[in-house]
Protein backbone atom coordinates (compact mmCIF):
# COMPACT_ATOMS: atom_id res chain seq x y z
CA MET A 1 8.68 -2.70 33.77
CA PRO A 2 12.37 -3.13 32.89
CA THR A 3 14.08 -0.30 31.05
CA ILE A 4 15.07 -0.63 27.41
CA ARG A 5 18.72 -1.18 28.27
CA GLU A 6 17.79 -3.97 30.66
CA ARG A 7 15.73 -5.62 27.98
CA THR A 8 18.32 -5.88 25.21
CA ALA A 9 22.00 -6.72 24.83
CA LEU A 10 22.50 -4.89 21.53
CA LEU A 11 22.26 -1.28 22.75
CA VAL A 12 25.27 0.79 23.71
CA ASP A 13 25.73 2.04 27.26
CA GLU A 14 24.83 5.54 28.41
CA ALA A 15 28.32 6.97 27.94
CA ARG A 16 28.58 5.71 24.37
CA ALA A 17 25.02 6.88 23.62
CA THR A 18 25.95 10.41 24.75
CA GLU A 19 29.10 10.31 22.65
CA LEU A 20 27.19 9.20 19.54
CA THR A 21 24.45 11.78 20.07
CA GLU A 22 26.95 14.62 20.27
CA ALA A 23 28.88 13.39 17.24
CA SER A 24 25.67 13.01 15.19
CA LEU A 25 25.35 16.80 14.91
CA HIS A 26 27.87 16.60 12.06
CA TRP A 27 26.51 13.44 10.39
CA PRO A 28 24.00 12.93 7.60
CA SER A 29 20.63 11.82 8.97
CA LEU A 30 18.31 9.20 7.51
CA THR A 31 14.62 9.32 8.48
CA LEU A 32 13.42 5.73 8.35
CA THR A 33 10.02 4.53 7.23
CA ALA A 34 7.85 2.58 9.65
CA ALA A 35 8.82 -0.67 7.92
CA GLN A 36 12.53 0.16 8.12
CA LEU A 37 12.18 1.02 11.81
CA ALA A 38 10.57 -2.38 12.38
CA ASP A 39 13.49 -4.16 10.72
CA LEU A 40 15.96 -2.14 12.78
CA GLU A 41 14.05 -2.81 16.00
CA LEU A 42 14.10 -6.55 15.33
CA LEU A 43 17.84 -6.36 14.74
CA LEU A 44 18.54 -4.35 17.91
CA SER A 45 16.21 -6.32 20.17
CA SER A 46 17.32 -9.80 19.14
CA GLY A 47 20.13 -9.64 16.61
CA CYS A 48 17.86 -11.66 14.34
CA LEU A 49 19.15 -12.06 10.78
CA SER A 50 22.17 -9.86 11.47
CA HIS A 51 25.76 -10.71 10.59
CA HIS A 52 27.77 -10.17 13.75
CA VAL A 53 31.38 -9.07 13.77
CA PRO A 54 32.98 -11.52 16.24
CA GLY A 55 35.46 -10.42 18.85
CA VAL A 56 34.88 -6.69 18.43
CA THR A 57 35.57 -4.63 21.56
CA ASP A 58 35.35 -0.93 22.33
CA ASP A 59 36.63 0.99 25.33
CA ALA A 60 33.23 2.66 25.69
CA TYR A 61 31.61 -0.71 26.39
CA ASP A 62 31.74 -2.81 29.52
CA GLY A 63 33.26 -5.66 27.57
CA PRO A 64 33.04 -7.59 24.31
CA VAL A 65 29.96 -6.70 22.28
CA ARG A 66 28.30 -7.98 19.16
CA MET A 67 28.04 -5.28 16.52
CA PRO A 68 25.37 -6.25 13.98
CA ARG A 69 25.58 -5.38 10.31
CA HIS A 70 22.57 -3.74 8.68
CA THR A 71 21.52 -2.55 5.23
CA VAL A 72 19.08 0.28 4.61
CA ASP A 73 17.79 1.48 1.23
CA VAL A 74 18.02 5.26 0.98
CA ALA A 75 15.51 5.27 -1.89
CA ASP A 76 12.83 3.83 0.41
CA ALA A 77 13.52 6.18 3.32
CA HIS A 78 11.64 9.44 3.79
CA ALA A 79 14.63 11.79 3.71
CA LEU A 80 18.40 11.87 3.75
CA THR A 81 19.61 15.20 5.10
CA SER A 82 22.99 16.58 5.97
CA GLU A 83 24.14 19.76 7.66
CA SER A 84 27.65 19.22 6.34
CA THR A 85 29.27 18.31 3.05
CA GLU A 86 29.62 14.68 4.15
CA LYS A 87 27.81 12.25 1.86
CA PRO A 88 27.08 8.61 2.63
CA ARG A 89 30.19 6.68 1.60
CA PRO A 90 32.37 4.05 3.23
CA GLY A 91 33.77 5.46 6.45
CA VAL A 92 30.96 7.99 6.99
CA THR A 93 28.51 7.45 9.87
CA VAL A 94 24.78 8.10 9.31
CA ALA A 95 22.26 8.82 12.08
CA LEU A 96 19.19 6.57 11.70
CA ARG A 97 16.19 8.48 13.03
CA ASP A 98 12.46 7.98 13.48
CA SER A 99 9.82 10.34 12.08
CA GLU A 100 10.17 12.58 15.13
CA GLY A 101 13.90 13.01 14.57
CA VAL A 102 14.95 10.78 17.48
CA MET A 103 18.19 8.93 16.73
CA ILE A 104 17.64 5.20 17.11
CA ALA A 105 21.02 4.02 15.89
CA ALA A 106 24.25 5.00 14.18
CA LEU A 107 25.22 3.27 10.94
CA ARG A 108 28.94 3.27 10.14
CA VAL A 109 28.85 2.79 6.36
CA THR A 110 31.16 0.12 4.97
CA ASP A 111 29.56 -0.32 1.54
CA VAL A 112 27.37 1.68 -0.84
CA ALA A 113 25.60 -0.21 -3.61
CA GLY A 114 23.21 1.99 -5.55
CA SER A 115 20.77 3.38 -3.00
CA ALA A 116 21.60 0.74 -0.36
CA LEU A 117 23.88 1.64 2.54
CA SER A 118 25.44 -1.25 4.45
CA GLY A 119 27.49 -1.09 7.59
CA VAL A 120 27.86 -1.70 11.31
CA VAL A 121 25.04 -0.52 13.57
CA GLU A 122 25.29 0.83 17.11
CA GLY A 123 21.86 1.07 18.71
CA LEU A 124 21.00 3.86 21.15
CA GLN A 125 17.41 2.91 21.90
CA LEU A 126 14.51 0.89 20.59
CA PRO A 127 11.78 2.74 18.66
CA ASP A 128 9.03 4.06 20.90
CA HIS A 129 5.58 2.45 20.76
CA PRO A 130 2.72 4.37 22.38
CA ASP A 131 0.40 1.45 21.67
CA TYR A 132 0.42 -1.69 23.81
CA PRO A 133 3.84 -1.46 25.47
CA GLU A 134 2.75 -4.32 27.74
CA LEU A 135 2.54 -6.63 24.71
CA ARG A 136 6.02 -5.87 23.34
CA PHE A 137 8.96 -7.96 24.52
CA THR A 138 12.55 -8.49 23.52
CA PRO A 139 13.66 -12.14 23.59
CA ALA A 140 15.27 -11.69 27.01
CA ALA A 141 12.18 -9.98 28.41
CA LEU A 142 9.88 -12.68 27.02
CA ARG A 143 11.96 -15.42 28.61
CA ALA A 144 11.86 -13.54 31.94
CA GLU A 145 8.08 -13.10 31.65
CA LEU A 146 7.51 -16.81 31.01
CA LEU A 147 9.76 -17.74 33.93
CA GLY A 148 7.96 -15.26 36.15
CA ARG A 149 4.58 -16.75 35.27
CA GLY A 150 5.88 -20.22 35.99
CA TRP A 151 5.09 -21.23 32.43
CA PHE A 152 8.62 -22.24 31.56
CA THR A 153 11.62 -23.77 33.27
CA PRO A 154 14.97 -24.74 31.77
CA THR A 155 13.88 -28.40 31.85
CA ASP A 156 10.56 -27.78 30.07
CA PRO A 157 10.10 -28.08 26.30
CA GLU A 158 10.52 -24.72 24.59
CA PRO A 159 7.18 -22.91 24.13
CA THR A 160 5.36 -23.17 20.81
CA ALA A 161 5.29 -20.09 18.59
CA LEU A 162 1.99 -19.48 16.80
CA TRP A 163 2.20 -16.74 14.17
CA VAL A 164 -1.09 -14.95 13.54
CA ASP A 165 -1.27 -12.54 10.61
CA GLY A 166 -5.04 -12.18 10.88
CA LEU A 167 -7.36 -13.05 13.76
CA LEU A 168 -7.89 -16.01 16.06
CA HIS A 169 -11.13 -17.83 15.34
CA THR A 170 -12.77 -20.86 16.90
CA ALA A 171 -10.68 -23.38 14.94
CA ASP A 172 -7.49 -21.54 15.95
CA LEU A 173 -8.48 -21.63 19.62
CA ASP A 174 -9.26 -25.33 19.34
CA ARG A 175 -5.72 -25.84 18.06
CA ILE A 176 -4.25 -23.84 20.97
CA GLU A 177 -6.28 -25.89 23.46
CA ALA A 178 -5.02 -29.09 21.85
CA LEU A 179 -1.44 -27.90 22.16
CA ALA A 180 -2.02 -26.92 25.78
CA ALA A 181 -3.53 -30.32 26.52
CA ASP A 182 -0.20 -31.82 25.43
CA GLY A 183 1.61 -29.63 27.94
CA ASN A 184 2.68 -26.85 25.59
CA THR A 185 2.93 -23.17 26.39
CA VAL A 186 1.77 -21.19 23.36
CA VAL A 187 3.14 -17.76 22.53
CA VAL A 188 0.96 -16.04 19.93
CA LEU A 189 3.24 -13.84 17.82
CA ALA A 190 1.29 -11.10 16.08
CA PRO A 191 3.26 -9.22 13.39
CA ALA A 192 3.01 -5.49 14.09
CA GLY A 193 6.00 -4.17 12.14
CA GLY A 194 5.15 -0.78 10.67
CA ALA A 195 1.68 -0.70 12.27
CA ASP A 196 0.37 2.86 12.56
CA PRO A 197 -0.79 3.53 16.14
CA ALA A 198 -3.39 5.90 14.65
CA ASP A 199 -4.84 3.13 12.45
CA ALA A 200 -8.14 1.91 13.88
CA ARG A 201 -7.73 -1.45 12.09
CA HIS A 202 -4.53 -2.13 14.03
CA HIS A 203 -6.33 -1.59 17.33
CA LEU A 204 -9.32 -3.66 16.20
CA ARG A 205 -7.00 -6.57 15.43
CA VAL A 206 -5.31 -6.40 18.83
CA ARG A 207 -8.66 -6.15 20.62
CA CYS A 208 -9.92 -9.20 18.71
CA LEU A 209 -6.79 -11.22 19.52
CA ARG A 210 -7.07 -10.33 23.20
CA ALA A 211 -10.78 -11.13 23.25
CA ALA A 212 -10.13 -14.53 21.66
CA LEU A 213 -7.38 -15.52 24.10
CA ALA A 214 -9.52 -14.35 27.04
CA THR A 215 -12.02 -17.10 26.24
CA LEU A 216 -9.43 -19.81 26.97
CA ILE A 217 -9.56 -21.39 30.44
CA ASP A 218 -6.56 -22.99 32.14
CA VAL A 219 -4.48 -22.59 29.00
CA ARG A 220 -0.95 -21.18 29.03
CA ALA A 221 -1.12 -18.81 26.07
CA MET A 222 -0.02 -15.20 25.76
CA LEU A 223 0.00 -12.53 23.05
CA VAL A 224 3.19 -10.77 21.91
CA LEU A 225 3.46 -8.01 19.29
CA VAL A 226 6.67 -8.41 17.31
CA PRO A 227 8.37 -5.98 14.87
CA VAL A 228 7.72 -8.18 11.84
CA ARG A 229 5.58 -7.14 8.91
CA ALA A 230 2.32 -8.98 8.32
CA MET A 231 2.10 -11.07 5.16
CA PRO A 232 -1.41 -11.80 3.86
CA ARG A 233 -0.08 -14.68 1.74
CA LEU A 234 0.61 -16.73 4.88
CA THR A 235 -2.81 -18.39 4.87
CA GLU A 236 -1.75 -22.00 5.47
CA ALA A 237 -0.81 -23.76 8.68
CA VAL A 238 2.92 -24.40 8.67
CA ALA A 239 4.69 -26.21 11.53
CA LEU A 240 8.41 -26.52 12.16
CA GLY A 241 9.14 -29.65 14.12
CA PRO A 242 12.20 -30.78 16.05
CA ASP A 243 13.39 -32.75 13.01
CA ASN A 244 13.87 -29.41 11.22
CA THR A 245 11.11 -30.03 8.69
CA VAL A 246 8.32 -27.76 7.58
CA ARG A 247 4.85 -29.25 7.64
CA VAL A 248 2.30 -27.45 5.51
CA GLY A 249 -1.30 -27.96 6.62
CA PRO A 250 -3.69 -28.22 3.67
CA THR A 251 -6.86 -26.17 3.48
CA THR A 252 -8.89 -29.37 3.06
CA GLY A 253 -8.44 -32.96 4.15
CA ASP A 254 -5.65 -33.55 1.62
CA GLN A 255 -2.46 -35.34 2.59
CA VAL A 256 0.02 -33.18 4.55
CA SER A 257 3.40 -32.89 2.83
CA ASP A 258 6.75 -32.67 4.63
CA ASN A 259 9.41 -30.47 3.09
CA GLN A 260 12.99 -30.04 4.20
CA ILE A 261 14.06 -26.58 5.34
CA SER A 262 17.63 -25.35 5.00
CA ASP A 263 19.30 -22.11 6.01
CA ASN A 264 18.61 -20.58 2.63
CA GLN A 265 15.53 -22.15 1.13
CA VAL A 266 12.13 -23.65 1.90
CA THR A 267 10.10 -25.63 -0.60
CA ASN A 268 6.50 -24.90 0.27
CA HIS A 269 4.05 -27.19 -1.54
CA GLN A 270 0.32 -26.62 -1.59
CA PRO A 271 -2.14 -29.50 -1.82
CA ALA A 272 -3.21 -30.48 -5.30
CA GLY A 273 -6.13 -28.45 -6.57
CA HIS A 274 -5.31 -25.41 -4.40
CA ARG A 275 -2.42 -23.90 -6.36
CA GLU A 276 -3.15 -20.43 -7.70
CA ALA A 277 -1.95 -19.25 -11.08
CA ASP A 278 0.74 -16.94 -9.68
CA ASP A 279 2.10 -19.36 -7.08
CA ARG A 280 5.35 -19.92 -8.98
CA GLU A 281 6.09 -16.22 -8.51
CA THR A 282 4.85 -15.85 -4.94
CA GLU A 283 6.13 -19.18 -3.61
CA PRO A 284 9.79 -18.07 -3.23
CA ALA A 285 8.71 -14.98 -1.28
CA LEU A 286 6.43 -17.11 0.88
CA ALA A 287 9.21 -19.61 1.50
CA ALA A 288 11.62 -16.83 2.44
CA GLU A 289 9.06 -15.40 4.84
CA ILE A 290 8.60 -18.79 6.50
CA ILE A 291 12.35 -18.99 7.03
CA HIS A 292 12.35 -15.46 8.43
CA ARG A 293 9.48 -16.22 10.83
CA THR A 294 11.25 -19.38 11.97
CA GLN A 295 14.49 -17.51 12.68
CA VAL A 296 12.63 -14.83 14.63
CA ALA A 297 10.86 -17.46 16.74
CA VAL A 298 14.15 -19.20 17.46
CA ALA A 299 15.70 -15.86 18.43
CA TYR A 300 12.84 -15.44 20.92
CA GLY A 301 13.70 -18.80 22.46
CA LEU A 302 10.65 -20.60 21.10
CA GLY A 303 10.64 -24.17 19.85
CA SER A 304 8.14 -25.53 17.35
CA VAL A 305 6.68 -22.92 15.03
CA ILE A 306 3.22 -22.71 13.48
CA VAL A 307 2.59 -20.17 10.73
CA GLY A 308 -0.90 -19.41 9.47
CA PRO A 309 -4.47 -20.12 10.56
CA ALA A 310 -6.02 -23.47 11.36
CA PRO A 311 -7.22 -25.24 8.19
CA SER A 312 -10.92 -24.79 9.01
CA ALA A 313 -10.69 -21.16 10.17
CA PRO A 314 -12.86 -18.75 8.14
CA GLY A 315 -11.20 -16.39 5.69
CA ALA A 316 -11.49 -12.62 5.82
CA SER A 317 -13.68 -12.54 2.71
CA ALA A 318 -16.20 -14.98 4.20
CA LEU A 319 -16.46 -12.99 7.42
CA GLY A 320 -16.63 -9.73 5.49
CA LEU A 321 -19.60 -11.01 3.49
CA LEU A 322 -21.49 -11.91 6.67
CA LEU A 323 -20.68 -8.56 8.26
CA ASP A 324 -21.75 -6.65 5.13
CA ARG A 325 -25.14 -8.33 5.30
CA GLY A 326 -25.52 -7.89 9.04
CA THR A 327 -25.66 -11.67 9.48
CA ARG A 328 -24.84 -13.04 12.92
CA LEU A 329 -21.38 -14.63 13.14
CA PRO A 330 -21.96 -18.12 14.56
CA PRO A 331 -19.72 -19.34 17.44
CA VAL A 332 -18.64 -22.28 15.28
CA LEU A 333 -16.75 -19.72 13.16
CA THR A 334 -15.54 -17.19 15.67
CA PRO A 335 -15.92 -16.65 19.44
CA PRO A 336 -18.79 -14.33 20.45
CA ALA A 337 -16.35 -11.87 22.05
CA VAL A 338 -14.45 -11.55 18.75
CA ALA A 339 -17.71 -11.33 16.78
CA ALA A 340 -18.86 -8.45 19.01
CA GLU A 341 -15.67 -6.51 18.27
CA LEU A 342 -16.00 -7.13 14.53
CA VAL A 343 -19.66 -6.14 14.40
CA ARG A 344 -18.96 -2.95 16.35
CA ALA A 345 -16.10 -2.02 14.00
CA GLN A 346 -17.77 -3.15 10.79
CA PRO A 347 -21.55 -2.71 10.97
CA PRO A 348 -23.79 -3.63 8.02
CA ARG A 349 -23.18 -1.60 4.88
CA ALA A 350 -26.32 0.49 5.37
CA GLU A 351 -24.84 1.81 8.63
CA ARG A 352 -21.34 2.49 7.25
CA GLY A 353 -19.87 5.51 5.57
CA LEU A 354 -20.03 5.77 1.78
CA THR A 355 -18.54 7.82 -1.04
CA VAL A 356 -20.25 8.14 -4.42
CA MET A 357 -17.82 9.69 -6.88
CA PHE A 358 -18.92 10.97 -10.29
CA THR A 359 -16.46 11.34 -13.16
CA GLY A 360 -17.04 12.63 -16.66
CA LEU A 361 -16.38 15.44 -19.12
CA SER A 362 -17.34 19.02 -18.46
CA GLY A 363 -21.00 19.39 -19.41
CA SER A 364 -21.74 15.68 -19.07
CA GLY A 365 -24.33 16.27 -16.35
CA LYS A 366 -22.27 15.20 -13.34
CA SER A 367 -23.19 18.14 -11.12
CA THR A 368 -26.90 17.94 -11.99
CA VAL A 369 -27.14 14.22 -11.23
CA ALA A 370 -24.96 14.52 -8.11
CA GLY A 371 -27.08 17.36 -6.73
CA LEU A 372 -30.27 15.43 -7.37
CA LEU A 373 -28.79 12.33 -5.69
CA VAL A 374 -28.00 14.40 -2.60
CA CYS A 375 -31.60 15.62 -2.49
CA ARG A 376 -32.97 12.09 -2.72
CA LEU A 377 -30.64 10.83 0.01
CA LEU A 378 -31.53 13.73 2.31
CA GLU A 379 -35.22 13.12 1.67
CA ARG A 380 -34.77 9.61 3.03
CA GLY A 381 -33.27 10.99 6.24
CA ASP A 382 -31.17 7.94 7.06
CA ARG A 383 -27.81 9.26 5.82
CA ARG A 384 -25.79 12.39 6.55
CA VAL A 385 -24.66 13.71 3.17
CA THR A 386 -21.85 16.06 2.08
CA LEU A 387 -21.67 17.31 -1.52
CA LEU A 388 -18.17 17.98 -2.92
CA ASP A 389 -18.89 19.54 -6.31
CA GLY A 390 -15.94 20.23 -8.59
CA ASP A 391 -16.49 23.98 -9.02
CA VAL A 392 -17.23 24.58 -5.34
CA VAL A 393 -14.16 22.60 -4.27
CA ARG A 394 -11.94 24.68 -6.56
CA LEU A 395 -13.36 27.84 -5.01
CA HIS A 396 -12.57 26.80 -1.44
CA LEU A 397 -10.47 23.67 -0.98
CA SER A 398 -8.30 23.97 -4.10
CA ARG A 399 -8.07 27.74 -4.60
CA GLY A 400 -4.87 28.59 -6.48
CA LEU A 401 -4.54 25.30 -8.32
CA GLY A 402 -4.36 25.40 -12.10
CA PHE A 403 -5.32 22.79 -14.69
CA SER A 404 -2.03 21.04 -15.33
CA ARG A 405 -2.04 17.28 -14.87
CA GLU A 406 -0.28 17.67 -11.52
CA ASP A 407 -2.75 20.31 -10.27
CA ARG A 408 -5.74 18.28 -11.47
CA ASN A 409 -4.45 15.25 -9.59
CA THR A 410 -3.88 17.35 -6.48
CA ASN A 411 -7.42 18.68 -6.68
CA VAL A 412 -8.93 15.20 -6.97
CA ALA A 413 -6.66 13.85 -4.21
CA ARG A 414 -7.85 16.62 -1.89
CA ILE A 415 -11.44 15.74 -2.67
CA GLY A 416 -10.60 12.09 -1.92
CA PHE A 417 -8.97 13.01 1.39
CA VAL A 418 -12.08 14.90 2.53
CA ALA A 419 -14.38 12.17 1.22
CA ALA A 420 -12.41 9.52 3.11
CA ALA A 421 -12.68 11.56 6.33
CA VAL A 422 -16.44 11.96 5.85
CA THR A 423 -16.76 8.24 5.12
CA ALA A 424 -14.65 7.26 8.14
CA ALA A 425 -17.04 9.25 10.35
CA GLY A 426 -20.01 7.32 8.98
CA GLY A 427 -21.20 10.01 6.59
CA THR A 428 -21.91 9.98 2.87
CA ALA A 429 -19.77 12.00 0.49
CA VAL A 430 -21.03 12.73 -3.01
CA CYS A 431 -18.20 14.03 -5.23
CA ALA A 432 -18.51 15.44 -8.76
CA PRO A 433 -15.10 16.41 -10.19
CA ILE A 434 -14.06 15.76 -13.79
CA ALA A 435 -11.30 13.47 -12.42
CA PRO A 436 -9.89 12.69 -15.87
CA TYR A 437 -6.98 10.45 -14.83
CA ASP A 438 -7.32 6.82 -13.83
CA THR A 439 -4.41 6.67 -11.38
CA VAL A 440 -5.69 9.33 -9.01
CA ARG A 441 -9.25 7.96 -9.18
CA ARG A 442 -7.91 4.63 -7.99
CA GLN A 443 -5.98 6.40 -5.23
CA VAL A 444 -9.21 7.98 -4.03
CA ARG A 445 -10.93 4.59 -4.06
CA THR A 446 -8.13 3.16 -1.93
CA MET A 447 -8.26 6.07 0.53
CA VAL A 448 -12.00 5.71 0.99
CA GLU A 449 -12.03 1.92 1.28
CA ASP A 450 -9.13 2.04 3.74
CA SER A 451 -11.26 4.37 5.88
CA GLY A 452 -13.67 1.47 6.41
CA GLY A 453 -16.48 2.60 4.13
CA GLY A 454 -17.75 1.96 0.63
CA PHE A 455 -16.82 3.53 -2.69
CA VAL A 456 -19.03 3.66 -5.78
CA LEU A 457 -17.68 5.20 -8.98
CA VAL A 458 -20.25 6.60 -11.41
CA HIS A 459 -19.03 7.30 -14.95
CA VAL A 460 -21.25 9.89 -16.63
CA ALA A 461 -20.34 8.80 -20.14
CA THR A 462 -22.05 11.55 -22.13
CA PRO A 463 -20.27 11.83 -25.51
CA LEU A 464 -17.88 14.72 -26.11
CA GLU A 465 -19.92 16.19 -28.96
CA ILE A 466 -23.01 16.39 -26.75
CA CYS A 467 -21.04 17.98 -23.89
CA GLU A 468 -19.53 20.52 -26.28
CA ALA A 469 -22.92 21.30 -27.83
CA ARG A 470 -24.27 22.12 -24.38
CA ASP A 471 -21.24 24.29 -23.40
CA ARG A 472 -23.26 26.33 -20.88
CA LYS A 473 -20.14 28.10 -19.58
CA GLY A 474 -18.49 28.63 -22.95
CA LEU A 475 -15.47 26.61 -21.85
CA TYR A 476 -15.24 24.43 -24.95
CA ALA A 477 -15.35 27.51 -27.18
CA LYS A 478 -12.50 29.08 -25.20
CA ALA A 479 -10.54 25.82 -25.41
CA ARG A 480 -11.01 25.61 -29.21
CA ALA A 481 -9.87 29.22 -29.47
CA GLY A 482 -6.75 28.50 -27.43
CA ILE A 483 -7.81 30.78 -24.58
CA ILE A 484 -7.81 27.78 -22.23
CA PRO A 485 -4.56 25.93 -23.03
CA THR A 486 -5.34 22.59 -21.38
CA PHE A 487 -8.94 21.44 -21.38
CA THR A 488 -10.18 17.90 -20.85
CA GLY A 489 -11.54 16.36 -24.04
CA VAL A 490 -10.02 19.02 -26.29
CA SER A 491 -6.33 19.53 -25.54
CA ASP A 492 -6.02 17.19 -22.56
CA PRO A 493 -7.05 13.51 -22.40
CA TYR A 494 -9.91 11.95 -20.47
CA GLU A 495 -9.10 8.39 -19.39
CA GLU A 496 -12.38 6.47 -19.32
CA PRO A 497 -12.65 4.29 -16.19
CA ALA A 498 -12.74 0.55 -16.54
CA ASP A 499 -13.70 0.07 -12.88
CA ALA A 500 -16.89 2.15 -12.66
CA GLU A 501 -19.72 0.44 -10.82
CA ILE A 502 -22.31 2.49 -12.73
CA VAL A 503 -22.21 3.99 -16.24
CA ILE A 504 -24.86 6.47 -17.35
CA ASP A 505 -25.32 8.62 -20.46
CA THR A 506 -27.47 11.70 -19.92
CA THR A 507 -28.32 11.86 -23.62
CA GLN A 508 -30.19 8.58 -23.25
CA THR A 509 -31.33 8.90 -19.62
CA SER A 510 -33.01 11.72 -17.71
CA SER A 511 -31.41 13.00 -14.52
CA GLN A 512 -34.24 11.51 -12.48
CA ASP A 513 -33.82 8.09 -14.09
CA ALA A 514 -30.03 8.28 -13.67
CA VAL A 515 -30.44 8.95 -9.96
CA GLN A 516 -32.88 6.08 -9.65
CA THR A 517 -30.32 3.78 -11.31
CA ILE A 518 -27.78 4.83 -8.68
CA LEU A 519 -30.27 4.36 -5.82
CA ASP A 520 -31.19 0.91 -7.15
CA HIS A 521 -27.50 -0.02 -7.17
CA LEU A 522 -27.03 1.20 -3.59
CA HIS A 523 -30.11 -0.78 -2.50
CA ALA A 524 -28.97 -3.94 -4.29
CA HIS A 525 -25.52 -3.82 -2.70
CA GLY A 526 -26.74 -3.07 0.82
CA TRP A 527 -25.61 0.57 1.10
CA LEU A 528 -29.21 1.70 1.58
CA MET A 529 -31.93 0.11 3.68
CA PRO A 530 -35.08 -0.92 1.78
């Protein structure tokens, strides 16, 4: 495999890299986010979207070089540190580093506008990718690969770029075969900018793309991971033809509309009847992304550009519904090899991890109902269950935390972290904190759902006066007396959830009936087998 410096023209030579590394000991350092690293990698590997300073030379280089300009937002970066008194200002050079502290580039600041630093970039190396190095190419390396395979010659039409933000299904493969039948080489560009190599969903997507392309016979098509961020809004087929027009493929049999593309703007029309309410806000961003994708494809030496899935390809929600139910994915929707990967990664709900989170005032009955639910689930024997009760968690996981809003949120976030880990491993977590604040409850929901499992929020909506009348631990009395300064429902607010799947009131319902209501819900939504 060629070395990094053989694969790109926008990195400095070894001597200059050594010089910059030594000098960086006295510079401020900026630790970039994964998304910022992706933007920088795209700039260094292809010069895409950069503003080059023409005619710039440096004695440390072999000859004339192009020095790209770059802008990075300090507010979005993880950390800006400095061992000296130097602050980012015009004339100061900043070391741009990855999360491991490796310097990727040097930014000589020419302008500071708010939190944005702009200047000239000198690249030392491309960011390291432990995942799929064989699928990552700079434009020069991609051209060499195509020439080596015999898929491209200088007299051939430029290969077609097919951008895939999701998966390749049967309709997408039919489109690739049609392009190949017309003599086209198809390069499938999969956005992977900012992808976490520890994210199982990233690897599932790559496995599915590889499995889909492996089903093609005598078709010149290859997969390339590019440092561009995925954009879920790109759900239409968009083609850039040699006449420099954008063709937007409708999601039904409606008439295709042609729209002129310029250097600065794309007008992206949807077919009548398919415009969503917020399209006037999202359309400019979508148009800008289409322009960006087109420029990246051109930088990679590709010709016509297709953005988005084939019109008849299934959406993620349709596939998700079939997978939730354990329904077989028919070949007419997706190739069997892709279906096998999806089924393995996303089994029916009854076989997936699950978190049931209770929220409610102290004394509402959360712990009683949660404990009884755990017993009923363990009696069934088909789920591994972990109980994360509020008091027990504070004794072990959150020892030392107080009851300020910040400490309460930290406590609930820790519970959510553990619950997400249990859920990701296929287990069932039952949590029973007070969790009085809506924001952190939603954060826990996101953590759990991102782990690949389910999340069910149960609001134990027992009225305050009933909870205070019970007061088994004497906490309300201490709160009224001022002994406990911040207490939910007395001196601190409880934000009732508007997104709870289940609402129960233990003054109207027995614990046994409340648990049965929860079990009925889990049965009805497929989280428990009949």
